[in-house]
Amino acid sequence: MDKKELFERIKADGVKFVSYQFSDVTGRVKSVDAPVARLEEALDDGVWFDGSSVEGFMRIQESDMHLIVDTDSYAVLPWTPAENKRARFFCDIFTPDGEPFDGDPRGILKSWMKKLDEKGWVYNVGPEPEFFLFLQNDHIHPVPHDVGGYFDFSSNDSAAQVRAELVDALNSMGLEVEFAHHEVALGQHEIDFRFADALKTADNVMTLKYTVKAIAAQHGLIASFMPKPIFGINGSGMHCHQSIFDKSGKNLFFDAKDEFHLSKLAYGFIAGQLSHAKALSAIVAPTVNSYKRLVPGYEAPVYIGWAQINRSALIRIPRYTVGKDKAMRAELRCPDPSSNPYLAFSAMIAAALDGIDNGLTPPKALNNVNIYDLSSEERVTRGIDSLPGSLKDALLELAADDVVKNSIGTKLFSAFFRAKEEEWEDYRIHVTDWEVENYLMGA
């Protein structure tokens, strides 16, 4: 978008303030805010800020950082009041020397998109983020906002009204929402938006998360993207539908002659992600709580394998519809919405490219078998491995996998690993409700 068009839109939208946004290593949105009158200066000269207190950024002695505005990411924040209407831009982070900052998660994903562009490829992702809406209360234990179930319809319930408002807000911010529905658990919802290249999709995931939280708060609700907020019911995932197109728009995953309509490139892609799945889990399911979701019995993808129909497999190939070549895709089911999408998509494409570049082939498809029903001995016989059972185990796998580790660069890996080790250690030494209930009187 050129500067003239941008300022015309800003005037028409009645914007008074601008948020210049970026992400820390864990995926938290950071923002530098300024009156709209300073926008032209920001576009010409960038925005300076102190990066020394941001997770994964610079040391105190080298803290000055420079934000360069991505004008194509302009969007009005629809929940802000008219008298203080606010817009946002995503920004790329540069050092004082004018070099891209290697600790910028968005910048890392942009570098992967550039590598793919040199091949003539576009990596597309269509995520399915799930979340819960809870009532605000004085207790730490969450209370679901509604009593609906999977795909339940009600003509006049408050959950449907909130969801409709969310969809309207997201559409106004440039997301093409395709579906919104109630999920399996009480208070659980899903909003799916149209696939796009990985960078735009990562921006859209960030936008969706803070928009859902803001709109929910206006209704006196708490929106949570925590992977497993309540014991004994389904957790929240972020299944990611992936494909690679060429620049003409041809889906390079499709082969009409193959049994599953998959190309050699697609098989390499799948094989790469399966071979690096254990290390990948540390980045796409990056919290202690993520591994409370990744357990058998709740449609969670615990076992490393692929299938066309089987939802117990880690990668699912949705059934092909004749004439819908562009819809051929591989659905990775282990990511959850607590992940930083810039790092997650970077690691996912790096693992996939390793499979493509090295001509890897995936194991036999796990069709017509429910892996959850197999005994541990049967899984061993079939060569079906499992994802790590905890964040600690996932971090050990990550540290030993150069492909996934290098996918996010040395600086981001160091910051990410340090933050997650601290998270695990904090969790390890805390006393939980379960421990008190089981050991207090008997010990």
Protein backbone atom coordinates (compact mmCIF):
# COMPACT_ATOMS: atom_id res chain seq x y z
CA MET A 1 0.00 0.00 0.00
CA ASP A 2 1.49 3.38 -0.95
CA LYS A 3 1.67 6.23 1.51
CA LYS A 4 -1.09 8.32 -0.09
CA GLU A 5 -3.59 5.45 -0.05
CA LEU A 6 -2.64 4.59 3.52
CA PHE A 7 -3.22 8.10 4.84
CA GLU A 8 -6.55 8.32 3.01
CA ARG A 9 -7.68 5.12 4.72
CA ILE A 10 -6.47 6.30 8.12
CA LYS A 11 -8.38 9.57 7.75
CA ALA A 12 -11.54 7.75 6.66
CA ASP A 13 -11.21 5.33 9.58
CA GLY A 14 -10.88 8.15 12.11
CA VAL A 15 -7.69 6.73 13.63
CA LYS A 16 -6.20 8.71 16.54
CA PHE A 17 -3.44 6.38 17.76
CA VAL A 18 -1.14 3.79 16.18
CA SER A 19 0.28 0.60 17.73
CA TYR A 20 3.57 -0.60 16.26
CA GLN A 21 3.56 -4.32 17.07
CA PHE A 22 6.11 -7.11 17.19
CA SER A 23 6.57 -10.42 19.01
CA ASP A 24 8.92 -11.68 21.69
CA VAL A 25 10.36 -15.20 21.52
CA THR A 26 7.44 -16.79 23.39
CA GLY A 27 4.83 -15.23 21.10
CA ARG A 28 3.62 -12.39 23.30
CA VAL A 29 2.61 -9.31 21.32
CA LYS A 30 4.62 -6.22 22.20
CA SER A 31 3.64 -2.72 21.17
CA VAL A 32 4.99 0.80 20.93
CA ASP A 33 2.09 3.29 20.74
CA ALA A 34 2.07 6.83 19.36
CA PRO A 35 -0.39 9.49 18.14
CA VAL A 36 -1.31 9.16 14.48
CA ALA A 37 0.35 12.54 13.82
CA ARG A 38 3.74 10.80 14.26
CA LEU A 39 2.98 8.13 11.66
CA GLU A 40 4.66 9.84 8.70
CA GLU A 41 7.85 10.17 10.73
CA ALA A 42 7.60 6.49 11.72
CA LEU A 43 7.19 5.44 8.08
CA ASP A 44 10.19 7.51 6.99
CA ASP A 45 12.57 6.88 9.89
CA GLY A 46 11.25 3.82 11.72
CA VAL A 47 10.54 3.62 15.45
CA TRP A 48 13.27 3.26 18.06
CA PHE A 49 12.66 1.31 21.26
CA ASP A 50 14.55 -0.27 24.14
CA GLY A 51 14.79 -4.01 23.55
CA SER A 52 16.71 -4.90 26.69
CA SER A 53 13.61 -5.95 28.66
CA VAL A 54 11.98 -8.01 25.90
CA GLU A 55 12.35 -11.81 26.10
CA GLY A 56 14.97 -12.95 23.62
CA PHE A 57 16.18 -9.47 22.68
CA MET A 58 19.35 -7.52 23.38
CA ARG A 59 21.60 -7.10 26.41
CA ILE A 60 21.47 -3.83 28.36
CA GLN A 61 24.62 -2.51 26.71
CA GLU A 62 23.21 -3.01 23.19
CA SER A 63 19.52 -2.40 23.75
CA ASP A 64 18.53 0.11 21.06
CA MET A 65 16.32 -1.55 18.44
CA HIS A 66 14.65 -0.20 15.32
CA LEU A 67 11.13 -1.05 14.11
CA ILE A 68 10.42 -0.82 10.38
CA VAL A 69 6.69 -0.59 9.62
CA ASP A 70 4.99 -3.13 7.35
CA THR A 71 2.34 -0.89 5.78
CA ASP A 72 0.47 -3.85 4.27
CA SER A 73 -0.40 -5.01 7.81
CA TYR A 74 -2.53 -1.94 8.59
CA ALA A 75 -5.75 -2.72 10.45
CA VAL A 76 -8.08 -0.83 12.77
CA LEU A 77 -8.59 -2.37 16.21
CA PRO A 78 -12.42 -2.55 16.09
CA TRP A 79 -13.00 -2.71 19.85
CA THR A 80 -11.34 0.65 20.55
CA PRO A 81 -13.71 3.59 21.21
CA ALA A 82 -14.32 6.08 18.39
CA GLU A 83 -12.83 9.00 20.31
CA ASN A 84 -9.56 7.07 20.72
CA LYS A 85 -9.69 4.85 17.64
CA ARG A 86 -6.50 2.83 17.33
CA ALA A 87 -4.88 1.07 14.37
CA ARG A 88 -1.99 -1.36 14.29
CA PHE A 89 0.94 -2.26 12.08
CA PHE A 90 3.19 -5.28 12.38
CA CYS A 91 6.84 -4.32 12.27
CA ASP A 92 10.16 -5.90 11.42
CA ILE A 93 13.05 -5.39 13.83
CA PHE A 94 16.44 -4.07 12.79
CA THR A 95 19.67 -3.34 14.64
CA PRO A 96 21.13 0.20 14.88
CA ASP A 97 23.42 -0.80 11.99
CA GLY A 98 20.41 -1.34 9.73
CA GLU A 99 20.69 -5.14 9.67
CA PRO A 100 17.70 -7.44 10.27
CA PHE A 101 17.76 -8.47 13.94
CA ASP A 102 18.36 -12.21 14.20
CA GLY A 103 16.27 -12.37 17.36
CA ASP A 104 13.09 -11.23 15.57
CA PRO A 105 10.63 -14.17 15.24
CA ARG A 106 8.77 -12.51 12.36
CA GLY A 107 12.06 -11.79 10.63
CA ILE A 108 13.10 -15.45 10.88
CA LEU A 109 9.90 -16.57 9.16
CA LYS A 110 10.38 -13.89 6.48
CA SER A 111 13.84 -15.32 5.78
CA TRP A 112 12.30 -18.78 5.24
CA MET A 113 9.72 -17.31 2.90
CA LYS A 114 12.55 -15.68 0.94
CA LYS A 115 14.36 -19.03 0.59
CA LEU A 116 11.18 -20.64 -0.70
CA ASP A 117 10.58 -17.74 -3.07
CA GLU A 118 14.00 -18.41 -4.60
CA LYS A 119 12.76 -21.93 -5.36
CA GLY A 120 9.60 -20.51 -6.89
CA TRP A 121 7.50 -21.91 -4.02
CA VAL A 122 4.92 -20.54 -1.62
CA TYR A 123 4.35 -22.30 1.73
CA ASN A 124 0.67 -22.01 2.67
CA VAL A 125 -0.81 -22.65 6.10
CA GLY A 126 -4.45 -22.81 7.18
CA PRO A 127 -4.68 -23.07 10.98
CA GLU A 128 -7.65 -24.10 13.12
CA PRO A 129 -7.16 -22.29 16.46
CA GLU A 130 -9.35 -23.47 19.36
CA PHE A 131 -10.02 -21.53 22.54
CA PHE A 132 -12.24 -21.43 25.62
CA LEU A 133 -14.56 -18.70 26.88
CA PHE A 134 -14.80 -18.65 30.67
CA LEU A 135 -16.87 -16.65 33.12
CA GLN A 136 -14.94 -14.18 35.19
CA ASN A 137 -14.87 -15.32 38.80
CA ASP A 138 -12.84 -14.97 41.98
CA HIS A 139 -11.45 -18.49 41.78
CA ILE A 140 -8.45 -19.77 39.86
CA HIS A 141 -10.41 -22.74 38.47
CA PRO A 142 -12.15 -21.77 35.20
CA VAL A 143 -15.92 -21.96 34.71
CA PRO A 144 -17.11 -22.50 31.09
CA HIS A 145 -19.28 -19.74 29.64
CA ASP A 146 -21.88 -22.07 28.04
CA VAL A 147 -23.22 -25.63 28.01
CA GLY A 148 -22.99 -26.29 24.26
CA GLY A 149 -21.31 -29.22 22.55
CA TYR A 150 -19.65 -29.98 19.22
CA PHE A 151 -21.31 -27.99 16.39
CA ASP A 152 -24.32 -27.26 18.64
CA PHE A 153 -26.73 -24.67 17.26
CA SER A 154 -28.83 -22.29 19.29
CA SER A 155 -30.74 -19.40 17.80
CA ASN A 156 -30.26 -17.08 20.74
CA ASP A 157 -27.49 -18.15 23.12
CA SER A 158 -24.85 -15.73 24.35
CA ALA A 159 -21.95 -17.87 23.07
CA ALA A 160 -23.24 -17.67 19.50
CA GLN A 161 -23.64 -13.90 19.84
CA VAL A 162 -20.08 -13.46 21.10
CA ARG A 163 -18.77 -15.72 18.34
CA ALA A 164 -20.64 -13.69 15.69
CA GLU A 165 -19.12 -10.48 17.04
CA LEU A 166 -15.67 -12.09 16.96
CA VAL A 167 -16.09 -13.13 13.33
CA ASP A 168 -17.24 -9.64 12.36
CA ALA A 169 -14.23 -8.06 14.11
CA LEU A 170 -11.76 -10.46 12.52
CA ASN A 171 -13.20 -9.94 9.04
CA SER A 172 -12.86 -6.19 9.49
CA MET A 173 -9.15 -6.73 10.26
CA GLY A 174 -8.49 -8.62 7.04
CA LEU A 175 -8.93 -12.26 8.09
CA GLU A 176 -11.16 -14.24 5.76
CA VAL A 177 -13.09 -16.29 8.30
CA GLU A 178 -14.42 -19.48 6.74
CA PHE A 179 -16.03 -21.25 9.70
CA ALA A 180 -16.78 -20.59 13.35
CA HIS A 181 -18.37 -23.19 15.56
CA HIS A 182 -18.69 -24.62 19.03
CA GLU A 183 -16.11 -27.28 19.80
CA VAL A 184 -16.41 -30.52 21.81
CA ALA A 185 -15.95 -29.19 25.35
CA LEU A 186 -18.16 -26.82 27.33
CA GLY A 187 -17.16 -23.25 26.56
CA GLN A 188 -14.83 -24.30 23.73
CA HIS A 189 -14.86 -22.69 20.27
CA GLU A 190 -12.99 -22.74 16.98
CA ILE A 191 -12.58 -20.05 14.32
CA ASP A 192 -11.01 -21.09 11.02
CA PHE A 193 -9.81 -18.56 8.46
CA ARG A 194 -8.70 -18.98 4.87
CA PHE A 195 -5.20 -20.27 4.24
CA ALA A 196 -2.50 -17.86 3.11
CA ASP A 197 1.27 -17.80 2.88
CA ALA A 198 2.91 -18.62 6.20
CA LEU A 199 3.91 -15.04 7.07
CA LYS A 200 0.44 -13.59 6.56
CA THR A 201 -1.05 -16.55 8.39
CA ALA A 202 1.26 -16.05 11.37
CA ASP A 203 0.22 -12.37 11.49
CA ASN A 204 -3.40 -13.52 11.36
CA VAL A 205 -2.93 -15.94 14.27
CA MET A 206 -1.46 -13.14 16.39
CA THR A 207 -4.37 -10.88 15.37
CA LEU A 208 -6.97 -13.55 16.16
CA LYS A 209 -5.61 -14.23 19.64
CA TYR A 210 -5.63 -10.67 20.91
CA THR A 211 -8.89 -9.83 19.14
CA VAL A 212 -10.68 -12.79 20.75
CA LYS A 213 -9.37 -11.75 24.15
CA ALA A 214 -10.40 -8.11 23.67
CA ILE A 215 -13.93 -8.85 22.45
CA ALA A 216 -14.44 -11.47 25.18
CA ALA A 217 -13.39 -8.96 27.84
CA GLN A 218 -16.04 -6.53 26.58
CA HIS A 219 -18.60 -9.25 27.39
CA GLY A 220 -17.17 -9.84 30.85
CA LEU A 221 -15.55 -13.11 29.72
CA ILE A 222 -12.04 -14.53 29.80
CA ALA A 223 -10.77 -16.01 26.53
CA SER A 224 -8.02 -18.58 26.95
CA PHE A 225 -5.81 -20.29 24.37
CA MET A 226 -4.34 -22.53 27.09
CA PRO A 227 -3.93 -26.01 25.58
CA LYS A 228 -5.55 -27.91 28.49
CA PRO A 229 -7.38 -25.62 30.93
CA ILE A 230 -9.66 -28.31 32.44
CA PHE A 231 -8.79 -31.88 33.41
CA GLY A 232 -10.80 -34.66 31.81
CA ILE A 233 -12.13 -32.85 28.72
CA ASN A 234 -10.71 -32.01 25.31
CA GLY A 235 -7.93 -29.46 25.12
CA SER A 236 -7.36 -26.73 22.53
CA GLY A 237 -5.17 -27.42 19.53
CA MET A 238 -4.26 -25.50 16.41
CA HIS A 239 -4.25 -28.06 13.60
CA CYS A 240 -2.32 -26.64 10.63
CA HIS A 241 -3.29 -27.49 7.04
CA GLN A 242 -0.19 -27.10 4.87
CA SER A 243 0.63 -27.07 1.18
CA ILE A 244 3.25 -25.77 -1.23
CA PHE A 245 2.19 -23.90 -4.37
CA ASP A 246 4.30 -22.61 -7.22
CA LYS A 247 4.05 -18.97 -8.22
CA SER A 248 1.42 -19.72 -10.85
CA GLY A 249 -0.90 -21.04 -8.15
CA LYS A 250 -0.41 -24.74 -8.88
CA ASN A 251 -0.55 -27.02 -5.84
CA LEU A 252 2.70 -28.99 -5.86
CA PHE A 253 1.28 -31.57 -3.43
CA PHE A 254 -1.14 -32.96 -6.03
CA ASP A 255 -0.52 -35.97 -8.28
CA ALA A 256 -3.58 -37.44 -10.00
CA LYS A 257 -1.87 -40.81 -10.59
CA ASP A 258 -0.96 -41.51 -6.96
CA GLU A 259 -3.10 -43.70 -4.68
CA PHE A 260 -3.54 -40.81 -2.24
CA HIS A 261 -3.21 -38.11 -4.94
CA LEU A 262 0.06 -36.99 -3.35
CA SER A 263 3.17 -35.94 -5.25
CA LYS A 264 6.74 -37.02 -4.51
CA LEU A 265 7.30 -33.56 -3.04
CA ALA A 266 4.34 -34.05 -0.70
CA TYR A 267 5.67 -37.41 0.48
CA GLY A 268 9.06 -35.82 1.22
CA PHE A 269 7.30 -33.01 3.08
CA ILE A 270 5.37 -35.49 5.25
CA ALA A 271 8.44 -37.66 5.86
CA GLY A 272 10.48 -34.64 6.98
CA GLN A 273 7.93 -33.52 9.53
CA LEU A 274 7.47 -37.05 10.87
CA SER A 275 11.22 -37.62 11.19
CA HIS A 276 11.63 -34.41 13.19
CA ALA A 277 8.30 -34.61 15.05
CA LYS A 278 9.78 -35.09 18.53
CA ALA A 279 11.98 -31.99 18.34
CA LEU A 280 9.29 -30.07 16.47
CA SER A 281 6.89 -30.58 19.37
CA ALA A 282 9.00 -28.35 21.63
CA ILE A 283 8.29 -25.37 19.35
CA VAL A 284 4.73 -26.09 18.18
CA ALA A 285 3.55 -27.31 21.63
CA PRO A 286 5.85 -25.19 23.78
CA THR A 287 4.37 -25.07 27.29
CA VAL A 288 4.24 -27.38 30.29
CA ASN A 289 0.48 -27.45 29.82
CA SER A 290 0.78 -28.52 26.15
CA TYR A 291 1.67 -32.03 27.29
CA LYS A 292 -1.50 -32.30 29.36
CA ARG A 293 -3.32 -32.04 26.01
CA LEU A 294 -1.04 -34.43 24.12
CA VAL A 295 -2.28 -37.61 25.79
CA PRO A 296 -4.31 -40.50 24.30
CA GLY A 297 -8.10 -40.44 24.49
CA TYR A 298 -9.03 -36.89 23.54
CA GLU A 299 -8.41 -36.94 19.75
CA ALA A 300 -4.96 -35.55 20.51
CA PRO A 301 -2.21 -36.63 18.07
CA VAL A 302 0.26 -38.49 20.27
CA TYR A 303 1.56 -41.10 17.84
CA ILE A 304 4.00 -40.35 15.01
CA GLY A 305 2.46 -41.48 11.74
CA TRP A 306 0.28 -40.31 8.87
CA ALA A 307 -3.02 -41.36 7.36
CA GLN A 308 -5.71 -40.19 4.97
CA ILE A 309 -8.67 -40.48 7.31
CA ASN A 310 -7.31 -41.52 10.71
CA ARG A 311 -7.55 -38.66 13.23
CA SER A 312 -5.31 -40.48 15.70
CA ALA A 313 -2.33 -39.95 13.36
CA LEU A 314 0.01 -36.99 13.69
CA ILE A 315 -0.43 -35.95 10.05
CA ARG A 316 -3.78 -36.38 8.31
CA ILE A 317 -4.41 -36.09 4.57
CA PRO A 318 -8.00 -34.84 4.09
CA ARG A 319 -9.94 -36.84 1.51
CA TYR A 320 -9.49 -35.62 -2.07
CA THR A 321 -12.48 -34.15 -3.91
CA VAL A 322 -12.38 -34.45 -7.70
CA GLY A 323 -11.58 -31.12 -9.31
CA LYS A 324 -10.27 -29.61 -6.07
CA ASP A 325 -6.54 -30.03 -6.74
CA LYS A 326 -5.67 -26.88 -4.79
CA ALA A 327 -7.23 -28.36 -1.66
CA MET A 328 -4.66 -31.19 -1.42
CA ARG A 329 -2.85 -30.62 1.87
CA ALA A 330 -1.19 -32.18 4.90
CA GLU A 331 -2.76 -31.45 8.29
CA LEU A 332 -0.25 -31.39 11.15
CA ARG A 333 -2.27 -31.96 14.32
CA CYS A 334 0.18 -31.45 17.20
CA PRO A 335 0.55 -27.63 17.23
CA ASP A 336 -1.43 -25.71 19.81
CA PRO A 337 -2.31 -22.01 20.07
CA SER A 338 0.17 -21.32 22.89
CA SER A 339 2.95 -21.48 20.28
CA ASN A 340 4.63 -18.52 18.66
CA PRO A 341 3.32 -18.92 15.07
CA TYR A 342 6.41 -17.32 13.54
CA LEU A 343 8.70 -19.87 15.19
CA ALA A 344 6.24 -22.75 14.73
CA PHE A 345 5.87 -22.23 10.96
CA SER A 346 9.64 -21.72 10.57
CA ALA A 347 10.35 -25.03 12.30
CA MET A 348 7.58 -26.82 10.39
CA ILE A 349 8.87 -25.77 6.98
CA ALA A 350 12.49 -26.52 7.92
CA ALA A 351 11.57 -30.06 8.95
CA ALA A 352 9.54 -30.51 5.76
CA LEU A 353 12.31 -29.19 3.51
CA ASP A 354 14.77 -31.60 5.10
CA GLY A 355 12.51 -34.42 3.97
CA ILE A 356 12.11 -32.97 0.47
CA ASP A 357 15.78 -32.15 -0.06
CA ASN A 358 16.99 -35.54 1.17
CA GLY A 359 14.38 -37.60 -0.66
CA LEU A 360 12.90 -39.07 2.52
CA THR A 361 9.86 -41.33 2.26
CA PRO A 362 7.25 -41.68 5.01
CA PRO A 363 6.31 -45.01 6.59
CA LYS A 364 3.19 -46.87 5.50
CA ALA A 365 -0.06 -44.93 5.98
CA LEU A 366 -1.98 -45.80 9.15
CA ASN A 367 -5.37 -46.10 7.50
CA ASN A 368 -8.07 -48.36 8.94
CA VAL A 369 -6.46 -48.59 12.38
CA ASN A 370 -7.18 -46.64 15.56
CA ILE A 371 -3.74 -46.25 17.08
CA TYR A 372 -5.26 -45.58 20.51
CA ASP A 373 -6.64 -49.14 20.47
CA LEU A 374 -3.22 -50.72 19.89
CA SER A 375 -1.18 -52.06 22.78
CA SER A 376 2.34 -50.74 23.33
CA GLU A 377 3.71 -54.01 21.94
CA GLU A 378 1.58 -53.68 18.79
CA ARG A 379 2.77 -50.11 18.28
CA VAL A 380 6.39 -51.24 18.59
CA THR A 381 5.76 -54.01 16.06
CA ARG A 382 4.29 -51.50 13.61
CA GLY A 383 7.14 -49.04 14.24
CA ILE A 384 4.82 -46.35 15.64
CA ASP A 385 6.71 -43.97 17.92
CA SER A 386 5.26 -41.34 20.29
CA LEU A 387 5.72 -37.63 20.88
CA PRO A 388 7.56 -36.59 24.05
CA GLY A 389 5.49 -36.87 27.22
CA SER A 390 6.57 -33.58 28.78
CA LEU A 391 8.08 -30.22 27.92
CA LYS A 392 11.36 -31.38 29.47
CA ASP A 393 11.51 -34.42 27.18
CA ALA A 394 10.62 -32.25 24.18
CA LEU A 395 13.45 -29.82 24.98
CA LEU A 396 15.93 -32.69 25.13
CA GLU A 397 14.76 -33.79 21.67
CA LEU A 398 15.05 -30.22 20.38
CA ALA A 399 18.59 -29.83 21.68
CA ALA A 400 19.62 -32.99 19.79
CA ASP A 401 18.00 -32.06 16.44
CA ASP A 402 20.12 -29.66 14.39
CA VAL A 403 17.51 -29.20 11.66
CA VAL A 404 14.79 -27.94 13.99
CA LYS A 405 17.23 -26.14 16.28
CA ASN A 406 18.79 -24.24 13.37
CA SER A 407 15.40 -23.41 11.87
CA ILE A 408 14.98 -20.48 14.24
CA GLY A 409 18.62 -19.34 14.33
CA THR A 410 21.20 -19.33 17.12
CA LYS A 411 19.95 -16.26 19.00
CA LEU A 412 16.28 -17.24 19.02
CA PHE A 413 17.06 -20.86 19.88
CA SER A 414 19.18 -19.77 22.85
CA ALA A 415 16.48 -17.38 24.10
CA PHE A 416 13.67 -19.88 23.53
CA PHE A 417 15.51 -22.76 25.18
CA ARG A 418 16.46 -20.65 28.19
CA ALA A 419 12.87 -19.41 28.65
CA LYS A 420 11.44 -22.92 28.40
CA GLU A 421 13.99 -24.44 30.76
CA GLU A 422 13.05 -21.76 33.30
CA GLU A 423 9.36 -22.58 32.76
CA TRP A 424 9.99 -26.28 33.36
CA GLU A 425 12.05 -25.63 36.48
CA ASP A 426 9.40 -23.31 37.91
CA TYR A 427 6.75 -25.96 37.24
CA ARG A 428 8.92 -28.73 38.66
CA ILE A 429 9.32 -27.13 42.08
CA HIS A 430 5.71 -25.97 42.48
CA VAL A 431 3.25 -27.97 44.60
CA THR A 432 0.02 -28.69 42.69
CA ASP A 433 -3.56 -29.27 43.87
CA TRP A 434 -3.23 -32.91 42.83
CA GLU A 435 -0.23 -33.42 45.12
CA VAL A 436 -1.99 -31.82 48.08
CA GLU A 437 -5.14 -33.91 47.54
CA ASN A 438 -3.19 -37.17 47.25
CA TYR A 439 -0.32 -36.76 49.70
CA LEU A 440 -1.22 -34.22 52.41
CA MET A 441 -3.03 -36.59 54.75
CA GLY A 442 -1.30 -39.83 53.73
CA ALA A 443 2.34 -38.79 53.79
